[in-house]
Structures are given as structure tokens and as C-alpha cells.
Amino acid sequence: GPRCSMNHGWTEHKSPDGRTYYYHKERGVSAWEKPPEMMNAAQLSAAAISTSAWKEYTAASGKKYYFNSATRTTQWSMPPELKAAADAAAALAAATAAKAAE
């Protein structure tokens, strides 16, 4: 059955073949991908990284560099959007570890 929909309107369901999908009753829409409103901070930052045009690579020297597939730009410094996502994930991981240590 549907799980708690909180206040975002989305509910999680299982299709007849066992796949998870999400349904928004008010909008009358369903989605296979988890809606951003249902994601926690770690999932949101992972989604931000995966949908970002920036990707991290490692040069032959072992140094990391960043390439933007949209603008065809390469740079050595981490782009702000990846840094923000990484910081959010790190903060969440630290908070989770602190909670586990209690």
C-alpha cells in the first residue's frame, strides 16, 4: 500500500512487476524516478552530482580535474555546484555518524 506521503503529495507504490514508482494524486502524475521532494540530503546531493554537467576525472599524474560536458570546459578547481553537493553529503554523513555514536 501507499507509504506516508508527508506534505509533498507523493506516495510510493509497487507496480505489478514489483518495480517501485511514485504517484502524486493532486497532480495526477506518476514517475519511476524518485521525486526530489522525497529525497534526503544525501540523495539530493548525489542527484545534483549525477545531473551536473561537471564530472570529476583523474589525470595521468594522479591530480583530479573537472570537465563540463555542456560548456566543454576543463579546470583543476572543483566547480561550486559540485563543492556544494559534496559539502552537503559530507555534512549529512558527519551528522549520521555522530547520531550513530550516541
Protein backbone atom coordinates (compact mmCIF):
# COMPACT_ATOMS: atom_id res chain seq x y z
CA GLY A 1 0.00 0.00 0.00
CA PRO A 2 0.98 3.66 -0.17
CA ARG A 3 3.50 4.90 2.35
CA CYS A 4 3.25 8.15 4.29
CA SER A 5 3.02 10.97 1.76
CA MET A 6 4.20 13.69 4.19
CA ASN A 7 3.26 17.13 2.86
CA HIS A 8 4.78 16.92 -0.64
CA GLY A 9 1.90 14.91 -2.12
CA TRP A 10 3.97 11.98 -3.45
CA THR A 11 3.32 8.39 -2.39
CA GLU A 12 5.47 5.32 -3.10
CA HIS A 13 3.88 2.26 -4.76
CA LYS A 14 4.85 -1.08 -6.31
CA SER A 15 3.90 -1.89 -9.90
CA PRO A 16 2.51 -5.39 -10.71
CA ASP A 17 6.02 -6.43 -11.82
CA GLY A 18 7.49 -5.33 -8.47
CA ARG A 19 9.14 -2.07 -9.54
CA THR A 20 8.84 0.95 -7.26
CA TYR A 21 7.10 4.01 -8.64
CA TYR A 22 5.87 7.30 -7.23
CA TYR A 23 2.43 8.88 -7.62
CA HIS A 24 1.23 12.43 -6.99
CA LYS A 25 -2.55 12.28 -6.53
CA GLU A 26 -3.22 16.05 -6.79
CA ARG A 27 -1.19 16.41 -9.98
CA GLY A 28 -2.31 13.03 -11.33
CA VAL A 29 1.25 12.15 -12.33
CA SER A 30 3.42 9.12 -11.69
CA ALA A 31 7.17 8.70 -12.02
CA TRP A 32 9.70 5.86 -11.94
CA GLU A 33 12.41 8.22 -10.68
CA LYS A 34 12.21 9.27 -7.01
CA PRO A 35 10.86 12.87 -6.89
CA PRO A 36 13.25 15.45 -5.37
CA GLU A 37 10.63 16.23 -2.70
CA MET A 38 11.05 12.67 -1.35
CA MET A 39 14.85 12.64 -1.30
CA ASN A 40 17.00 13.21 1.75
CA ALA A 41 20.06 15.47 1.61
CA ALA A 42 22.46 12.70 0.55
CA GLN A 43 20.17 11.57 -2.28
CA LEU A 44 19.66 15.17 -3.41
CA SER A 45 23.41 15.84 -3.49
CA ALA A 46 24.02 12.57 -5.37
CA ALA A 47 21.28 13.57 -7.83
CA ALA A 48 22.83 17.04 -8.18
CA ILE A 49 26.20 15.48 -8.92
CA SER A 50 24.77 12.95 -11.38
CA THR A 51 22.75 15.59 -13.26
CA SER A 52 25.53 18.18 -13.19
CA ALA A 53 27.34 18.87 -16.45
CA TRP A 54 30.56 18.76 -14.37
CA LYS A 55 32.30 15.41 -13.88
CA GLU A 56 35.44 14.64 -11.89
CA TYR A 57 38.34 12.86 -13.61
CA THR A 58 41.88 11.96 -12.59
CA ALA A 59 44.82 12.95 -14.78
CA ALA A 60 47.71 10.55 -15.51
CA SER A 61 49.68 12.42 -12.82
CA GLY A 62 47.03 11.48 -10.26
CA LYS A 63 45.71 15.04 -9.94
CA LYS A 64 41.93 15.48 -10.11
CA TYR A 65 40.37 17.74 -12.72
CA TYR A 66 36.84 18.69 -13.72
CA PHE A 67 35.20 18.68 -17.14
CA ASN A 68 31.89 20.34 -18.04
CA SER A 69 30.18 18.41 -20.85
CA ALA A 70 27.80 21.31 -21.58
CA THR A 71 30.38 24.07 -21.98
CA ARG A 72 33.35 21.78 -22.91
CA THR A 73 35.35 23.49 -20.14
CA THR A 74 38.13 21.77 -18.16
CA GLN A 75 39.51 23.12 -14.87
CA TRP A 76 41.62 21.99 -11.93
CA SER A 77 39.49 23.55 -9.18
CA MET A 78 36.23 21.94 -8.06
CA PRO A 79 33.21 23.79 -9.51
CA PRO A 80 30.98 25.47 -6.87
CA GLU A 81 27.95 23.27 -7.67
CA LEU A 82 29.95 20.06 -7.12
CA LYS A 83 31.57 21.51 -3.98
CA ALA A 84 28.15 22.44 -2.53
CA ALA A 85 26.82 18.94 -3.25
CA ALA A 86 29.94 17.29 -1.78
CA ASP A 87 29.77 19.53 1.31
CA ALA A 88 26.09 18.66 1.81
CA ALA A 89 26.85 14.94 1.53
CA ALA A 90 29.82 15.25 3.93
CA ALA A 91 27.76 17.22 6.45
CA LEU A 92 25.00 14.62 6.28
CA ALA A 93 27.50 11.76 6.66
CA ALA A 94 29.06 13.51 9.69
CA ALA A 95 25.63 14.06 11.25
CA THR A 96 24.69 10.42 10.63
CA ALA A 97 27.99 9.20 12.13
CA ALA A 98 27.52 11.48 15.18
CA LYS A 99 23.99 10.14 15.68
CA ALA A 100 25.25 6.54 15.40
CA ALA A 101 27.93 7.25 18.03
CA GLU A 102 25.40 8.49 20.60
